[in-house]
Amino acid sequence: VNKSLVQLVEQLGVLAVGVSGKDGG
């Protein structure tokens, strides 16, 4: 789900980064 949302955002011309709560503590 996370990466599908990243994909949608980037299709609209904005750079997105998907993370989980595990990333970077």
PDBML (XML) file of the C-alpha atoms, coordinates in Angstrom:
<?xml version="1.0" encoding="UTF-8" ?>
<PDBx:datablock datablockName="MODEL"
   xmlns:PDBx="http://pdbml.pdb.org/schema/pdbx-v50.xsd"
   xmlns:xsi="http://www.w3.org/2001/XMLSchema-instance"
   xsi:schemaLocation="http://pdbml.pdb.org/schema/pdbx-v50.xsd pdbx-v50.xsd">
   <PDBx:atom_siteCategory>
      <PDBx:atom_site id="1">
         <PDBx:B_iso_or_equiv>0.00</PDBx:B_iso_or_equiv>
         <PDBx:Cartn_x>0.000</PDBx:Cartn_x>
         <PDBx:Cartn_y>0.000</PDBx:Cartn_y>
         <PDBx:Cartn_z>0.000</PDBx:Cartn_z>
         <PDBx:auth_asym_id>A</PDBx:auth_asym_id>
         <PDBx:auth_atom_id>CA</PDBx:auth_atom_id>
         <PDBx:auth_comp_id>VAL</PDBx:auth_comp_id>
         <PDBx:auth_seq_id>1</PDBx:auth_seq_id>
         <PDBx:group_PDB>ATOM</PDBx:group_PDB>
         <PDBx:label_alt_id xsi:nil="true" />
         <PDBx:label_asym_id>A</PDBx:label_asym_id>
         <PDBx:label_atom_id>CA</PDBx:label_atom_id>
         <PDBx:label_comp_id>VAL</PDBx:label_comp_id>
         <PDBx:label_entity_id>1</PDBx:label_entity_id>
         <PDBx:label_seq_id>1</PDBx:label_seq_id>
         <PDBx:occupancy>1.00</PDBx:occupancy>
         <PDBx:pdbx_PDB_model_num>1</PDBx:pdbx_PDB_model_num>
         <PDBx:type_symbol>C</PDBx:type_symbol>
      </PDBx:atom_site>
      <PDBx:atom_site id="2">
         <PDBx:B_iso_or_equiv>0.00</PDBx:B_iso_or_equiv>
         <PDBx:Cartn_x>2.800</PDBx:Cartn_x>
         <PDBx:Cartn_y>2.372</PDBx:Cartn_y>
         <PDBx:Cartn_z>0.982</PDBx:Cartn_z>
         <PDBx:auth_asym_id>A</PDBx:auth_asym_id>
         <PDBx:auth_atom_id>CA</PDBx:auth_atom_id>
         <PDBx:auth_comp_id>ASN</PDBx:auth_comp_id>
         <PDBx:auth_seq_id>2</PDBx:auth_seq_id>
         <PDBx:group_PDB>ATOM</PDBx:group_PDB>
         <PDBx:label_alt_id xsi:nil="true" />
         <PDBx:label_asym_id>A</PDBx:label_asym_id>
         <PDBx:label_atom_id>CA</PDBx:label_atom_id>
         <PDBx:label_comp_id>ASN</PDBx:label_comp_id>
         <PDBx:label_entity_id>1</PDBx:label_entity_id>
         <PDBx:label_seq_id>2</PDBx:label_seq_id>
         <PDBx:occupancy>1.00</PDBx:occupancy>
         <PDBx:pdbx_PDB_model_num>1</PDBx:pdbx_PDB_model_num>
         <PDBx:type_symbol>C</PDBx:type_symbol>
      </PDBx:atom_site>
      <PDBx:atom_site id="3">
         <PDBx:B_iso_or_equiv>0.00</PDBx:B_iso_or_equiv>
         <PDBx:Cartn_x>4.613</PDBx:Cartn_x>
         <PDBx:Cartn_y>2.091</PDBx:Cartn_y>
         <PDBx:Cartn_z>-2.335</PDBx:Cartn_z>
         <PDBx:auth_asym_id>A</PDBx:auth_asym_id>
         <PDBx:auth_atom_id>CA</PDBx:auth_atom_id>
         <PDBx:auth_comp_id>LYS</PDBx:auth_comp_id>
         <PDBx:auth_seq_id>3</PDBx:auth_seq_id>
         <PDBx:group_PDB>ATOM</PDBx:group_PDB>
         <PDBx:label_alt_id xsi:nil="true" />
         <PDBx:label_asym_id>A</PDBx:label_asym_id>
         <PDBx:label_atom_id>CA</PDBx:label_atom_id>
         <PDBx:label_comp_id>LYS</PDBx:label_comp_id>
         <PDBx:label_entity_id>1</PDBx:label_entity_id>
         <PDBx:label_seq_id>3</PDBx:label_seq_id>
         <PDBx:occupancy>1.00</PDBx:occupancy>
         <PDBx:pdbx_PDB_model_num>1</PDBx:pdbx_PDB_model_num>
         <PDBx:type_symbol>C</PDBx:type_symbol>
      </PDBx:atom_site>
      <PDBx:atom_site id="4">
         <PDBx:B_iso_or_equiv>0.00</PDBx:B_iso_or_equiv>
         <PDBx:Cartn_x>1.371</PDBx:Cartn_x>
         <PDBx:Cartn_y>2.382</PDBx:Cartn_y>
         <PDBx:Cartn_z>-4.325</PDBx:Cartn_z>
         <PDBx:auth_asym_id>A</PDBx:auth_asym_id>
         <PDBx:auth_atom_id>CA</PDBx:auth_atom_id>
         <PDBx:auth_comp_id>SER</PDBx:auth_comp_id>
         <PDBx:auth_seq_id>4</PDBx:auth_seq_id>
         <PDBx:group_PDB>ATOM</PDBx:group_PDB>
         <PDBx:label_alt_id xsi:nil="true" />
         <PDBx:label_asym_id>A</PDBx:label_asym_id>
         <PDBx:label_atom_id>CA</PDBx:label_atom_id>
         <PDBx:label_comp_id>SER</PDBx:label_comp_id>
         <PDBx:label_entity_id>1</PDBx:label_entity_id>
         <PDBx:label_seq_id>4</PDBx:label_seq_id>
         <PDBx:occupancy>1.00</PDBx:occupancy>
         <PDBx:pdbx_PDB_model_num>1</PDBx:pdbx_PDB_model_num>
         <PDBx:type_symbol>C</PDBx:type_symbol>
      </PDBx:atom_site>
      <PDBx:atom_site id="5">
         <PDBx:B_iso_or_equiv>0.00</PDBx:B_iso_or_equiv>
         <PDBx:Cartn_x>0.774</PDBx:Cartn_x>
         <PDBx:Cartn_y>5.747</PDBx:Cartn_y>
         <PDBx:Cartn_z>-2.622</PDBx:Cartn_z>
         <PDBx:auth_asym_id>A</PDBx:auth_asym_id>
         <PDBx:auth_atom_id>CA</PDBx:auth_atom_id>
         <PDBx:auth_comp_id>LEU</PDBx:auth_comp_id>
         <PDBx:auth_seq_id>5</PDBx:auth_seq_id>
         <PDBx:group_PDB>ATOM</PDBx:group_PDB>
         <PDBx:label_alt_id xsi:nil="true" />
         <PDBx:label_asym_id>A</PDBx:label_asym_id>
         <PDBx:label_atom_id>CA</PDBx:label_atom_id>
         <PDBx:label_comp_id>LEU</PDBx:label_comp_id>
         <PDBx:label_entity_id>1</PDBx:label_entity_id>
         <PDBx:label_seq_id>5</PDBx:label_seq_id>
         <PDBx:occupancy>1.00</PDBx:occupancy>
         <PDBx:pdbx_PDB_model_num>1</PDBx:pdbx_PDB_model_num>
         <PDBx:type_symbol>C</PDBx:type_symbol>
      </PDBx:atom_site>
      <PDBx:atom_site id="6">
         <PDBx:B_iso_or_equiv>0.00</PDBx:B_iso_or_equiv>
         <PDBx:Cartn_x>4.337</PDBx:Cartn_x>
         <PDBx:Cartn_y>6.829</PDBx:Cartn_y>
         <PDBx:Cartn_z>-3.389</PDBx:Cartn_z>
         <PDBx:auth_asym_id>A</PDBx:auth_asym_id>
         <PDBx:auth_atom_id>CA</PDBx:auth_atom_id>
         <PDBx:auth_comp_id>VAL</PDBx:auth_comp_id>
         <PDBx:auth_seq_id>6</PDBx:auth_seq_id>
         <PDBx:group_PDB>ATOM</PDBx:group_PDB>
         <PDBx:label_alt_id xsi:nil="true" />
         <PDBx:label_asym_id>A</PDBx:label_asym_id>
         <PDBx:label_atom_id>CA</PDBx:label_atom_id>
         <PDBx:label_comp_id>VAL</PDBx:label_comp_id>
         <PDBx:label_entity_id>1</PDBx:label_entity_id>
         <PDBx:label_seq_id>6</PDBx:label_seq_id>
         <PDBx:occupancy>1.00</PDBx:occupancy>
         <PDBx:pdbx_PDB_model_num>1</PDBx:pdbx_PDB_model_num>
         <PDBx:type_symbol>C</PDBx:type_symbol>
      </PDBx:atom_site>
      <PDBx:atom_site id="7">
         <PDBx:B_iso_or_equiv>0.00</PDBx:B_iso_or_equiv>
         <PDBx:Cartn_x>3.685</PDBx:Cartn_x>
         <PDBx:Cartn_y>5.937</PDBx:Cartn_y>
         <PDBx:Cartn_z>-7.007</PDBx:Cartn_z>
         <PDBx:auth_asym_id>A</PDBx:auth_asym_id>
         <PDBx:auth_atom_id>CA</PDBx:auth_atom_id>
         <PDBx:auth_comp_id>GLN</PDBx:auth_comp_id>
         <PDBx:auth_seq_id>7</PDBx:auth_seq_id>
         <PDBx:group_PDB>ATOM</PDBx:group_PDB>
         <PDBx:label_alt_id xsi:nil="true" />
         <PDBx:label_asym_id>A</PDBx:label_asym_id>
         <PDBx:label_atom_id>CA</PDBx:label_atom_id>
         <PDBx:label_comp_id>GLN</PDBx:label_comp_id>
         <PDBx:label_entity_id>1</PDBx:label_entity_id>
         <PDBx:label_seq_id>7</PDBx:label_seq_id>
         <PDBx:occupancy>1.00</PDBx:occupancy>
         <PDBx:pdbx_PDB_model_num>1</PDBx:pdbx_PDB_model_num>
         <PDBx:type_symbol>C</PDBx:type_symbol>
      </PDBx:atom_site>
      <PDBx:atom_site id="8">
         <PDBx:B_iso_or_equiv>0.00</PDBx:B_iso_or_equiv>
         <PDBx:Cartn_x>0.476</PDBx:Cartn_x>
         <PDBx:Cartn_y>8.006</PDBx:Cartn_y>
         <PDBx:Cartn_z>-7.123</PDBx:Cartn_z>
         <PDBx:auth_asym_id>A</PDBx:auth_asym_id>
         <PDBx:auth_atom_id>CA</PDBx:auth_atom_id>
         <PDBx:auth_comp_id>LEU</PDBx:auth_comp_id>
         <PDBx:auth_seq_id>8</PDBx:auth_seq_id>
         <PDBx:group_PDB>ATOM</PDBx:group_PDB>
         <PDBx:label_alt_id xsi:nil="true" />
         <PDBx:label_asym_id>A</PDBx:label_asym_id>
         <PDBx:label_atom_id>CA</PDBx:label_atom_id>
         <PDBx:label_comp_id>LEU</PDBx:label_comp_id>
         <PDBx:label_entity_id>1</PDBx:label_entity_id>
         <PDBx:label_seq_id>8</PDBx:label_seq_id>
         <PDBx:occupancy>1.00</PDBx:occupancy>
         <PDBx:pdbx_PDB_model_num>1</PDBx:pdbx_PDB_model_num>
         <PDBx:type_symbol>C</PDBx:type_symbol>
      </PDBx:atom_site>
      <PDBx:atom_site id="9">
         <PDBx:B_iso_or_equiv>0.00</PDBx:B_iso_or_equiv>
         <PDBx:Cartn_x>2.151</PDBx:Cartn_x>
         <PDBx:Cartn_y>11.052</PDBx:Cartn_y>
         <PDBx:Cartn_z>-5.576</PDBx:Cartn_z>
         <PDBx:auth_asym_id>A</PDBx:auth_asym_id>
         <PDBx:auth_atom_id>CA</PDBx:auth_atom_id>
         <PDBx:auth_comp_id>VAL</PDBx:auth_comp_id>
         <PDBx:auth_seq_id>9</PDBx:auth_seq_id>
         <PDBx:group_PDB>ATOM</PDBx:group_PDB>
         <PDBx:label_alt_id xsi:nil="true" />
         <PDBx:label_asym_id>A</PDBx:label_asym_id>
         <PDBx:label_atom_id>CA</PDBx:label_atom_id>
         <PDBx:label_comp_id>VAL</PDBx:label_comp_id>
         <PDBx:label_entity_id>1</PDBx:label_entity_id>
         <PDBx:label_seq_id>9</PDBx:label_seq_id>
         <PDBx:occupancy>1.00</PDBx:occupancy>
         <PDBx:pdbx_PDB_model_num>1</PDBx:pdbx_PDB_model_num>
         <PDBx:type_symbol>C</PDBx:type_symbol>
      </PDBx:atom_site>
      <PDBx:atom_site id="10">
         <PDBx:B_iso_or_equiv>0.00</PDBx:B_iso_or_equiv>
         <PDBx:Cartn_x>5.078</PDBx:Cartn_x>
         <PDBx:Cartn_y>10.882</PDBx:Cartn_y>
         <PDBx:Cartn_z>-7.962</PDBx:Cartn_z>
         <PDBx:auth_asym_id>A</PDBx:auth_asym_id>
         <PDBx:auth_atom_id>CA</PDBx:auth_atom_id>
         <PDBx:auth_comp_id>GLU</PDBx:auth_comp_id>
         <PDBx:auth_seq_id>10</PDBx:auth_seq_id>
         <PDBx:group_PDB>ATOM</PDBx:group_PDB>
         <PDBx:label_alt_id xsi:nil="true" />
         <PDBx:label_asym_id>A</PDBx:label_asym_id>
         <PDBx:label_atom_id>CA</PDBx:label_atom_id>
         <PDBx:label_comp_id>GLU</PDBx:label_comp_id>
         <PDBx:label_entity_id>1</PDBx:label_entity_id>
         <PDBx:label_seq_id>10</PDBx:label_seq_id>
         <PDBx:occupancy>1.00</PDBx:occupancy>
         <PDBx:pdbx_PDB_model_num>1</PDBx:pdbx_PDB_model_num>
         <PDBx:type_symbol>C</PDBx:type_symbol>
      </PDBx:atom_site>
      <PDBx:atom_site id="11">
         <PDBx:B_iso_or_equiv>0.00</PDBx:B_iso_or_equiv>
         <PDBx:Cartn_x>2.718</PDBx:Cartn_x>
         <PDBx:Cartn_y>10.608</PDBx:Cartn_y>
         <PDBx:Cartn_z>-10.939</PDBx:Cartn_z>
         <PDBx:auth_asym_id>A</PDBx:auth_asym_id>
         <PDBx:auth_atom_id>CA</PDBx:auth_atom_id>
         <PDBx:auth_comp_id>GLN</PDBx:auth_comp_id>
         <PDBx:auth_seq_id>11</PDBx:auth_seq_id>
         <PDBx:group_PDB>ATOM</PDBx:group_PDB>
         <PDBx:label_alt_id xsi:nil="true" />
         <PDBx:label_asym_id>A</PDBx:label_asym_id>
         <PDBx:label_atom_id>CA</PDBx:label_atom_id>
         <PDBx:label_comp_id>GLN</PDBx:label_comp_id>
         <PDBx:label_entity_id>1</PDBx:label_entity_id>
         <PDBx:label_seq_id>11</PDBx:label_seq_id>
         <PDBx:occupancy>1.00</PDBx:occupancy>
         <PDBx:pdbx_PDB_model_num>1</PDBx:pdbx_PDB_model_num>
         <PDBx:type_symbol>C</PDBx:type_symbol>
      </PDBx:atom_site>
      <PDBx:atom_site id="12">
         <PDBx:B_iso_or_equiv>0.00</PDBx:B_iso_or_equiv>
         <PDBx:Cartn_x>1.451</PDBx:Cartn_x>
         <PDBx:Cartn_y>14.042</PDBx:Cartn_y>
         <PDBx:Cartn_z>-9.899</PDBx:Cartn_z>
         <PDBx:auth_asym_id>A</PDBx:auth_asym_id>
         <PDBx:auth_atom_id>CA</PDBx:auth_atom_id>
         <PDBx:auth_comp_id>LEU</PDBx:auth_comp_id>
         <PDBx:auth_seq_id>12</PDBx:auth_seq_id>
         <PDBx:group_PDB>ATOM</PDBx:group_PDB>
         <PDBx:label_alt_id xsi:nil="true" />
         <PDBx:label_asym_id>A</PDBx:label_asym_id>
         <PDBx:label_atom_id>CA</PDBx:label_atom_id>
         <PDBx:label_comp_id>LEU</PDBx:label_comp_id>
         <PDBx:label_entity_id>1</PDBx:label_entity_id>
         <PDBx:label_seq_id>12</PDBx:label_seq_id>
         <PDBx:occupancy>1.00</PDBx:occupancy>
         <PDBx:pdbx_PDB_model_num>1</PDBx:pdbx_PDB_model_num>
         <PDBx:type_symbol>C</PDBx:type_symbol>
      </PDBx:atom_site>
      <PDBx:atom_site id="13">
         <PDBx:B_iso_or_equiv>0.00</PDBx:B_iso_or_equiv>
         <PDBx:Cartn_x>4.922</PDBx:Cartn_x>
         <PDBx:Cartn_y>15.567</PDBx:Cartn_y>
         <PDBx:Cartn_z>-9.935</PDBx:Cartn_z>
         <PDBx:auth_asym_id>A</PDBx:auth_asym_id>
         <PDBx:auth_atom_id>CA</PDBx:auth_atom_id>
         <PDBx:auth_comp_id>GLY</PDBx:auth_comp_id>
         <PDBx:auth_seq_id>13</PDBx:auth_seq_id>
         <PDBx:group_PDB>ATOM</PDBx:group_PDB>
         <PDBx:label_alt_id xsi:nil="true" />
         <PDBx:label_asym_id>A</PDBx:label_asym_id>
         <PDBx:label_atom_id>CA</PDBx:label_atom_id>
         <PDBx:label_comp_id>GLY</PDBx:label_comp_id>
         <PDBx:label_entity_id>1</PDBx:label_entity_id>
         <PDBx:label_seq_id>13</PDBx:label_seq_id>
         <PDBx:occupancy>1.00</PDBx:occupancy>
         <PDBx:pdbx_PDB_model_num>1</PDBx:pdbx_PDB_model_num>
         <PDBx:type_symbol>C</PDBx:type_symbol>
      </PDBx:atom_site>
      <PDBx:atom_site id="14">
         <PDBx:B_iso_or_equiv>0.00</PDBx:B_iso_or_equiv>
         <PDBx:Cartn_x>5.904</PDBx:Cartn_x>
         <PDBx:Cartn_y>15.508</PDBx:Cartn_y>
         <PDBx:Cartn_z>-6.258</PDBx:Cartn_z>
         <PDBx:auth_asym_id>A</PDBx:auth_asym_id>
         <PDBx:auth_atom_id>CA</PDBx:auth_atom_id>
         <PDBx:auth_comp_id>VAL</PDBx:auth_comp_id>
         <PDBx:auth_seq_id>14</PDBx:auth_seq_id>
         <PDBx:group_PDB>ATOM</PDBx:group_PDB>
         <PDBx:label_alt_id xsi:nil="true" />
         <PDBx:label_asym_id>A</PDBx:label_asym_id>
         <PDBx:label_atom_id>CA</PDBx:label_atom_id>
         <PDBx:label_comp_id>VAL</PDBx:label_comp_id>
         <PDBx:label_entity_id>1</PDBx:label_entity_id>
         <PDBx:label_seq_id>14</PDBx:label_seq_id>
         <PDBx:occupancy>1.00</PDBx:occupancy>
         <PDBx:pdbx_PDB_model_num>1</PDBx:pdbx_PDB_model_num>
         <PDBx:type_symbol>C</PDBx:type_symbol>
      </PDBx:atom_site>
      <PDBx:atom_site id="15">
         <PDBx:B_iso_or_equiv>0.00</PDBx:B_iso_or_equiv>
         <PDBx:Cartn_x>8.739</PDBx:Cartn_x>
         <PDBx:Cartn_y>13.383</PDBx:Cartn_y>
         <PDBx:Cartn_z>-4.878</PDBx:Cartn_z>
         <PDBx:auth_asym_id>A</PDBx:auth_asym_id>
         <PDBx:auth_atom_id>CA</PDBx:auth_atom_id>
         <PDBx:auth_comp_id>LEU</PDBx:auth_comp_id>
         <PDBx:auth_seq_id>15</PDBx:auth_seq_id>
         <PDBx:group_PDB>ATOM</PDBx:group_PDB>
         <PDBx:label_alt_id xsi:nil="true" />
         <PDBx:label_asym_id>A</PDBx:label_asym_id>
         <PDBx:label_atom_id>CA</PDBx:label_atom_id>
         <PDBx:label_comp_id>LEU</PDBx:label_comp_id>
         <PDBx:label_entity_id>1</PDBx:label_entity_id>
         <PDBx:label_seq_id>15</PDBx:label_seq_id>
         <PDBx:occupancy>1.00</PDBx:occupancy>
         <PDBx:pdbx_PDB_model_num>1</PDBx:pdbx_PDB_model_num>
         <PDBx:type_symbol>C</PDBx:type_symbol>
      </PDBx:atom_site>
      <PDBx:atom_site id="16">
         <PDBx:B_iso_or_equiv>0.00</PDBx:B_iso_or_equiv>
         <PDBx:Cartn_x>7.613</PDBx:Cartn_x>
         <PDBx:Cartn_y>11.066</PDBx:Cartn_y>
         <PDBx:Cartn_z>-2.072</PDBx:Cartn_z>
         <PDBx:auth_asym_id>A</PDBx:auth_asym_id>
         <PDBx:auth_atom_id>CA</PDBx:auth_atom_id>
         <PDBx:auth_comp_id>ALA</PDBx:auth_comp_id>
         <PDBx:auth_seq_id>16</PDBx:auth_seq_id>
         <PDBx:group_PDB>ATOM</PDBx:group_PDB>
         <PDBx:label_alt_id xsi:nil="true" />
         <PDBx:label_asym_id>A</PDBx:label_asym_id>
         <PDBx:label_atom_id>CA</PDBx:label_atom_id>
         <PDBx:label_comp_id>ALA</PDBx:label_comp_id>
         <PDBx:label_entity_id>1</PDBx:label_entity_id>
         <PDBx:label_seq_id>16</PDBx:label_seq_id>
         <PDBx:occupancy>1.00</PDBx:occupancy>
         <PDBx:pdbx_PDB_model_num>1</PDBx:pdbx_PDB_model_num>
         <PDBx:type_symbol>C</PDBx:type_symbol>
      </PDBx:atom_site>
      <PDBx:atom_site id="17">
         <PDBx:B_iso_or_equiv>0.00</PDBx:B_iso_or_equiv>
         <PDBx:Cartn_x>9.427</PDBx:Cartn_x>
         <PDBx:Cartn_y>8.630</PDBx:Cartn_y>
         <PDBx:Cartn_z>0.198</PDBx:Cartn_z>
         <PDBx:auth_asym_id>A</PDBx:auth_asym_id>
         <PDBx:auth_atom_id>CA</PDBx:auth_atom_id>
         <PDBx:auth_comp_id>VAL</PDBx:auth_comp_id>
         <PDBx:auth_seq_id>17</PDBx:auth_seq_id>
         <PDBx:group_PDB>ATOM</PDBx:group_PDB>
         <PDBx:label_alt_id xsi:nil="true" />
         <PDBx:label_asym_id>A</PDBx:label_asym_id>
         <PDBx:label_atom_id>CA</PDBx:label_atom_id>
         <PDBx:label_comp_id>VAL</PDBx:label_comp_id>
         <PDBx:label_entity_id>1</PDBx:label_entity_id>
         <PDBx:label_seq_id>17</PDBx:label_seq_id>
         <PDBx:occupancy>1.00</PDBx:occupancy>
         <PDBx:pdbx_PDB_model_num>1</PDBx:pdbx_PDB_model_num>
         <PDBx:type_symbol>C</PDBx:type_symbol>
      </PDBx:atom_site>
      <PDBx:atom_site id="18">
         <PDBx:B_iso_or_equiv>0.00</PDBx:B_iso_or_equiv>
         <PDBx:Cartn_x>7.645</PDBx:Cartn_x>
         <PDBx:Cartn_y>5.712</PDBx:Cartn_y>
         <PDBx:Cartn_z>1.847</PDBx:Cartn_z>
         <PDBx:auth_asym_id>A</PDBx:auth_asym_id>
         <PDBx:auth_atom_id>CA</PDBx:auth_atom_id>
         <PDBx:auth_comp_id>GLY</PDBx:auth_comp_id>
         <PDBx:auth_seq_id>18</PDBx:auth_seq_id>
         <PDBx:group_PDB>ATOM</PDBx:group_PDB>
         <PDBx:label_alt_id xsi:nil="true" />
         <PDBx:label_asym_id>A</PDBx:label_asym_id>
         <PDBx:label_atom_id>CA</PDBx:label_atom_id>
         <PDBx:label_comp_id>GLY</PDBx:label_comp_id>
         <PDBx:label_entity_id>1</PDBx:label_entity_id>
         <PDBx:label_seq_id>18</PDBx:label_seq_id>
         <PDBx:occupancy>1.00</PDBx:occupancy>
         <PDBx:pdbx_PDB_model_num>1</PDBx:pdbx_PDB_model_num>
         <PDBx:type_symbol>C</PDBx:type_symbol>
      </PDBx:atom_site>
      <PDBx:atom_site id="19">
         <PDBx:B_iso_or_equiv>0.00</PDBx:B_iso_or_equiv>
         <PDBx:Cartn_x>8.866</PDBx:Cartn_x>
         <PDBx:Cartn_y>4.593</PDBx:Cartn_y>
         <PDBx:Cartn_z>5.258</PDBx:Cartn_z>
         <PDBx:auth_asym_id>A</PDBx:auth_asym_id>
         <PDBx:auth_atom_id>CA</PDBx:auth_atom_id>
         <PDBx:auth_comp_id>VAL</PDBx:auth_comp_id>
         <PDBx:auth_seq_id>19</PDBx:auth_seq_id>
         <PDBx:group_PDB>ATOM</PDBx:group_PDB>
         <PDBx:label_alt_id xsi:nil="true" />
         <PDBx:label_asym_id>A</PDBx:label_asym_id>
         <PDBx:label_atom_id>CA</PDBx:label_atom_id>
         <PDBx:label_comp_id>VAL</PDBx:label_comp_id>
         <PDBx:label_entity_id>1</PDBx:label_entity_id>
         <PDBx:label_seq_id>19</PDBx:label_seq_id>
         <PDBx:occupancy>1.00</PDBx:occupancy>
         <PDBx:pdbx_PDB_model_num>1</PDBx:pdbx_PDB_model_num>
         <PDBx:type_symbol>C</PDBx:type_symbol>
      </PDBx:atom_site>
      <PDBx:atom_site id="20">
         <PDBx:B_iso_or_equiv>0.00</PDBx:B_iso_or_equiv>
         <PDBx:Cartn_x>7.563</PDBx:Cartn_x>
         <PDBx:Cartn_y>2.306</PDBx:Cartn_y>
         <PDBx:Cartn_z>7.967</PDBx:Cartn_z>
         <PDBx:auth_asym_id>A</PDBx:auth_asym_id>
         <PDBx:auth_atom_id>CA</PDBx:auth_atom_id>
         <PDBx:auth_comp_id>SER</PDBx:auth_comp_id>
         <PDBx:auth_seq_id>20</PDBx:auth_seq_id>
         <PDBx:group_PDB>ATOM</PDBx:group_PDB>
         <PDBx:label_alt_id xsi:nil="true" />
         <PDBx:label_asym_id>A</PDBx:label_asym_id>
         <PDBx:label_atom_id>CA</PDBx:label_atom_id>
         <PDBx:label_comp_id>SER</PDBx:label_comp_id>
         <PDBx:label_entity_id>1</PDBx:label_entity_id>
         <PDBx:label_seq_id>20</PDBx:label_seq_id>
         <PDBx:occupancy>1.00</PDBx:occupancy>
         <PDBx:pdbx_PDB_model_num>1</PDBx:pdbx_PDB_model_num>
         <PDBx:type_symbol>C</PDBx:type_symbol>
      </PDBx:atom_site>
      <PDBx:atom_site id="21">
         <PDBx:B_iso_or_equiv>0.00</PDBx:B_iso_or_equiv>
         <PDBx:Cartn_x>7.780</PDBx:Cartn_x>
         <PDBx:Cartn_y>3.034</PDBx:Cartn_y>
         <PDBx:Cartn_z>11.657</PDBx:Cartn_z>
         <PDBx:auth_asym_id>A</PDBx:auth_asym_id>
         <PDBx:auth_atom_id>CA</PDBx:auth_atom_id>
         <PDBx:auth_comp_id>GLY</PDBx:auth_comp_id>
         <PDBx:auth_seq_id>21</PDBx:auth_seq_id>
         <PDBx:group_PDB>ATOM</PDBx:group_PDB>
         <PDBx:label_alt_id xsi:nil="true" />
         <PDBx:label_asym_id>A</PDBx:label_asym_id>
         <PDBx:label_atom_id>CA</PDBx:label_atom_id>
         <PDBx:label_comp_id>GLY</PDBx:label_comp_id>
         <PDBx:label_entity_id>1</PDBx:label_entity_id>
         <PDBx:label_seq_id>21</PDBx:label_seq_id>
         <PDBx:occupancy>1.00</PDBx:occupancy>
         <PDBx:pdbx_PDB_model_num>1</PDBx:pdbx_PDB_model_num>
         <PDBx:type_symbol>C</PDBx:type_symbol>
      </PDBx:atom_site>
      <PDBx:atom_site id="22">
         <PDBx:B_iso_or_equiv>0.00</PDBx:B_iso_or_equiv>
         <PDBx:Cartn_x>10.756</PDBx:Cartn_x>
         <PDBx:Cartn_y>0.662</PDBx:Cartn_y>
         <PDBx:Cartn_z>11.733</PDBx:Cartn_z>
         <PDBx:auth_asym_id>A</PDBx:auth_asym_id>
         <PDBx:auth_atom_id>CA</PDBx:auth_atom_id>
         <PDBx:auth_comp_id>LYS</PDBx:auth_comp_id>
         <PDBx:auth_seq_id>22</PDBx:auth_seq_id>
         <PDBx:group_PDB>ATOM</PDBx:group_PDB>
         <PDBx:label_alt_id xsi:nil="true" />
         <PDBx:label_asym_id>A</PDBx:label_asym_id>
         <PDBx:label_atom_id>CA</PDBx:label_atom_id>
         <PDBx:label_comp_id>LYS</PDBx:label_comp_id>
         <PDBx:label_entity_id>1</PDBx:label_entity_id>
         <PDBx:label_seq_id>22</PDBx:label_seq_id>
         <PDBx:occupancy>1.00</PDBx:occupancy>
         <PDBx:pdbx_PDB_model_num>1</PDBx:pdbx_PDB_model_num>
         <PDBx:type_symbol>C</PDBx:type_symbol>
      </PDBx:atom_site>
      <PDBx:atom_site id="23">
         <PDBx:B_iso_or_equiv>0.00</PDBx:B_iso_or_equiv>
         <PDBx:Cartn_x>12.871</PDBx:Cartn_x>
         <PDBx:Cartn_y>2.997</PDBx:Cartn_y>
         <PDBx:Cartn_z>9.596</PDBx:Cartn_z>
         <PDBx:auth_asym_id>A</PDBx:auth_asym_id>
         <PDBx:auth_atom_id>CA</PDBx:auth_atom_id>
         <PDBx:auth_comp_id>ASP</PDBx:auth_comp_id>
         <PDBx:auth_seq_id>23</PDBx:auth_seq_id>
         <PDBx:group_PDB>ATOM</PDBx:group_PDB>
         <PDBx:label_alt_id xsi:nil="true" />
         <PDBx:label_asym_id>A</PDBx:label_asym_id>
         <PDBx:label_atom_id>CA</PDBx:label_atom_id>
         <PDBx:label_comp_id>ASP</PDBx:label_comp_id>
         <PDBx:label_entity_id>1</PDBx:label_entity_id>
         <PDBx:label_seq_id>23</PDBx:label_seq_id>
         <PDBx:occupancy>1.00</PDBx:occupancy>
         <PDBx:pdbx_PDB_model_num>1</PDBx:pdbx_PDB_model_num>
         <PDBx:type_symbol>C</PDBx:type_symbol>
      </PDBx:atom_site>
      <PDBx:atom_site id="24">
         <PDBx:B_iso_or_equiv>0.00</PDBx:B_iso_or_equiv>
         <PDBx:Cartn_x>15.195</PDBx:Cartn_x>
         <PDBx:Cartn_y>5.221</PDBx:Cartn_y>
         <PDBx:Cartn_z>11.572</PDBx:Cartn_z>
         <PDBx:auth_asym_id>A</PDBx:auth_asym_id>
         <PDBx:auth_atom_id>CA</PDBx:auth_atom_id>
         <PDBx:auth_comp_id>GLY</PDBx:auth_comp_id>
         <PDBx:auth_seq_id>24</PDBx:auth_seq_id>
         <PDBx:group_PDB>ATOM</PDBx:group_PDB>
         <PDBx:label_alt_id xsi:nil="true" />
         <PDBx:label_asym_id>A</PDBx:label_asym_id>
         <PDBx:label_atom_id>CA</PDBx:label_atom_id>
         <PDBx:label_comp_id>GLY</PDBx:label_comp_id>
         <PDBx:label_entity_id>1</PDBx:label_entity_id>
         <PDBx:label_seq_id>24</PDBx:label_seq_id>
         <PDBx:occupancy>1.00</PDBx:occupancy>
         <PDBx:pdbx_PDB_model_num>1</PDBx:pdbx_PDB_model_num>
         <PDBx:type_symbol>C</PDBx:type_symbol>
      </PDBx:atom_site>
      <PDBx:atom_site id="25">
         <PDBx:B_iso_or_equiv>0.00</PDBx:B_iso_or_equiv>
         <PDBx:Cartn_x>13.556</PDBx:Cartn_x>
         <PDBx:Cartn_y>4.118</PDBx:Cartn_y>
         <PDBx:Cartn_z>14.823</PDBx:Cartn_z>
         <PDBx:auth_asym_id>A</PDBx:auth_asym_id>
         <PDBx:auth_atom_id>CA</PDBx:auth_atom_id>
         <PDBx:auth_comp_id>GLY</PDBx:auth_comp_id>
         <PDBx:auth_seq_id>25</PDBx:auth_seq_id>
         <PDBx:group_PDB>ATOM</PDBx:group_PDB>
         <PDBx:label_alt_id xsi:nil="true" />
         <PDBx:label_asym_id>A</PDBx:label_asym_id>
         <PDBx:label_atom_id>CA</PDBx:label_atom_id>
         <PDBx:label_comp_id>GLY</PDBx:label_comp_id>
         <PDBx:label_entity_id>1</PDBx:label_entity_id>
         <PDBx:label_seq_id>25</PDBx:label_seq_id>
         <PDBx:occupancy>1.00</PDBx:occupancy>
         <PDBx:pdbx_PDB_model_num>1</PDBx:pdbx_PDB_model_num>
         <PDBx:type_symbol>C</PDBx:type_symbol>
      </PDBx:atom_site>
   </PDBx:atom_siteCategory>
</PDBx:datablock>
